[in-house]
Each structure stands twice: as structure tokens, then as C-alpha cells.
Protein backbone atom coordinates (compact mmCIF):
# COMPACT_ATOMS: atom_id res chain seq x y z
CA MET A 1 23.26 -22.56 -23.27
CA ALA A 2 21.17 -20.37 -25.59
CA LYS A 3 21.54 -16.61 -25.53
CA ASN A 4 18.53 -14.45 -24.76
CA SER A 5 16.74 -13.12 -27.78
CA LEU A 6 16.35 -9.38 -28.19
CA GLN A 7 12.65 -9.67 -27.42
CA GLN A 8 13.40 -11.45 -24.11
CA LYS A 9 15.94 -8.81 -23.17
CA LYS A 10 13.47 -6.03 -23.97
CA GLU A 11 10.78 -7.70 -21.88
CA ARG A 12 13.16 -8.10 -18.89
CA ARG A 13 14.16 -4.41 -19.16
CA LYS A 14 10.48 -3.35 -19.28
CA VAL A 15 9.60 -5.43 -16.23
CA ARG A 16 12.59 -4.07 -14.30
CA VAL A 17 11.69 -0.42 -15.07
CA ARG A 18 7.97 -0.85 -14.37
CA ALA A 19 8.50 -2.65 -11.08
CA LYS A 20 9.87 0.59 -9.61
CA LEU A 21 7.09 2.85 -10.91
CA PHE A 22 3.58 3.38 -9.56
CA GLY A 23 1.22 6.16 -10.53
CA THR A 24 -1.47 7.80 -8.41
CA ALA A 25 -4.28 10.25 -9.23
CA LYS A 26 -2.16 13.25 -8.15
CA LYS A 27 1.06 11.93 -9.76
CA PRO A 28 0.15 9.58 -12.61
CA ARG A 29 2.55 7.41 -14.56
CA LEU A 30 3.34 8.77 -18.04
CA SER A 31 3.68 5.63 -20.15
CA VAL A 32 5.31 5.90 -23.50
CA PHE A 33 4.95 3.32 -26.29
CA ARG A 34 6.76 3.53 -29.63
CA SER A 35 5.79 1.49 -32.64
CA ASN A 36 7.67 1.54 -35.90
CA ASN A 37 5.57 4.42 -37.12
CA TYR A 38 3.98 6.26 -34.18
CA PHE A 39 4.43 7.32 -30.56
CA TYR A 40 1.69 6.84 -27.95
CA VAL A 41 1.49 8.52 -24.54
CA GLN A 42 -0.84 7.71 -21.62
CA LEU A 43 -1.34 9.20 -18.18
CA ILE A 44 -2.25 6.23 -15.94
CA ASP A 45 -3.60 6.10 -12.40
CA ASP A 46 -2.35 2.70 -11.15
CA GLU A 47 -4.37 2.89 -7.91
CA ALA A 48 -7.68 3.02 -9.75
CA GLY A 49 -6.42 1.16 -12.84
CA LYS A 50 -7.59 3.89 -15.19
CA THR A 51 -6.14 5.94 -17.99
CA LEU A 52 -6.56 9.58 -17.22
CA ALA A 53 -5.52 10.93 -20.64
CA ALA A 54 -4.03 9.54 -23.83
CA SER A 55 -2.52 10.97 -26.97
CA SER A 56 -0.76 9.78 -30.06
CA ASP A 57 0.90 11.38 -33.06
CA ARG A 58 -1.26 9.11 -35.20
CA ASN A 59 -4.39 11.10 -34.27
CA LEU A 60 -2.90 14.61 -34.62
CA LYS A 61 -4.23 16.15 -37.79
CA ALA A 62 -1.51 18.80 -37.99
CA ALA A 63 1.21 16.10 -37.78
CA LYS A 64 0.48 14.64 -41.21
CA GLY A 65 3.52 14.88 -43.49
CA LYS A 66 5.90 16.10 -40.79
CA SER A 67 9.15 14.50 -39.77
CA LYS A 68 9.15 12.14 -36.77
CA GLY A 69 10.90 14.69 -34.55
CA GLU A 70 8.32 17.40 -35.39
CA ARG A 71 5.49 14.91 -34.72
CA VAL A 72 6.97 13.96 -31.32
CA LYS A 73 7.14 17.66 -30.32
CA MET A 74 3.53 18.13 -31.35
CA LEU A 75 2.56 15.00 -29.40
CA ALA A 76 4.33 16.35 -26.32
CA ILE A 77 2.54 19.66 -26.54
CA ASP A 78 -0.86 17.86 -26.96
CA ALA A 79 -0.08 15.62 -23.95
CA VAL A 80 0.87 18.65 -21.84
CA GLU A 81 -2.40 20.39 -22.74
CA LYS A 82 -4.43 17.30 -21.78
CA ALA A 83 -2.52 16.95 -18.50
CA LYS A 84 -3.05 20.64 -17.67
CA ALA A 85 -6.77 20.27 -18.39
CA LYS A 86 -6.84 17.50 -15.74
CA LYS A 87 -4.79 19.74 -13.41
CA ILE A 88 -1.78 17.41 -13.49
CA ASN A 89 1.65 19.08 -13.19
CA THR A 90 3.80 16.23 -11.92
CA VAL A 91 4.15 12.75 -13.45
CA ILE A 92 6.30 9.63 -13.14
CA PHE A 93 8.03 8.99 -16.46
CA ASP A 94 7.72 5.36 -17.61
CA ARG A 95 9.90 4.76 -20.65
CA GLY A 96 9.26 1.02 -20.63
CA ALA A 97 12.04 -0.80 -22.39
CA LEU A 98 13.03 2.17 -24.54
CA PRO A 99 16.44 3.81 -24.08
CA TYR A 100 16.31 7.47 -23.01
CA ALA A 101 17.68 8.81 -26.26
CA GLY A 102 16.61 10.29 -29.61
CA ASN A 103 12.90 11.01 -29.99
CA LEU A 104 12.03 9.75 -26.50
CA LYS A 105 14.43 12.27 -25.00
CA LEU A 106 12.97 14.98 -27.26
CA LEU A 107 9.47 14.07 -26.01
CA ALA A 108 10.55 14.32 -22.34
CA GLU A 109 12.37 17.63 -22.81
CA THR A 110 9.46 19.18 -24.72
CA MET A 111 7.04 18.12 -21.94
CA ARG A 112 9.36 19.64 -19.32
CA GLU A 113 9.41 22.90 -21.29
CA GLY A 114 5.60 22.77 -21.28
CA GLY A 115 5.53 22.67 -17.48
CA ILE A 116 5.27 18.97 -16.64
CA ILE A 117 7.60 17.96 -13.86
CA PHE A 118 9.19 14.46 -13.86
């Protein structure tokens, strides 16, 4: 019997987490994706199937040359500003298959400090 690969385990964890989450227009899902180099954040209305706002540290001009932790803080502040512009104060945090630690935890805490409620 073959063991599950890391990719299969990650996919199972992502499906398990997302099965419990559903975003609406008043309380959208805050989806976080992490690549090897960048973080991406989206506010998603699952009822309408639309992205309400999106942000990434790749597109932040002031983030160039900063450490990853500083870029994540700047991303969180940018995402909070975009959410406030759409009059969104409460979100459902969707971490996907990522563990709640390190820079993901820093992102969530910075967004809470900015006034977004999880």
C-alpha cells in the first residue's frame, strides 16, 4: 500500500477546510494563497461567484526589497483598505491547506489590528 504524497495530503487538507467555509456579500471569504515568492489575498462572494477585492505583495510598489514579513504586513494593510472601501468589516478566513503559523499568522493578526473581524 503506497503512502500518500505530500501533494495529495495538501489537497485533502484544502478540500476539508474549504468544505466548511462559504462567503456571502456581507461576509465574504478571505482566501489566502502562498507561492514560493509571494502572498495573494482575495475577498470572494461565493453566492455570486465573484471576487470582490484582491491584493498581492507582488503588486505593491513599496514592498520591493523588503523582507517577507514586512511585505506580508504591507499586504494585510492594503487588503484592509480595499475591504473598508467596499464596506466589509467581517470576513471568513480561508487558509486553504496552509498551517496557521509564521507569515500567515502575521497576515491574520495585522488584518485584525486593521479592524477586520474573523
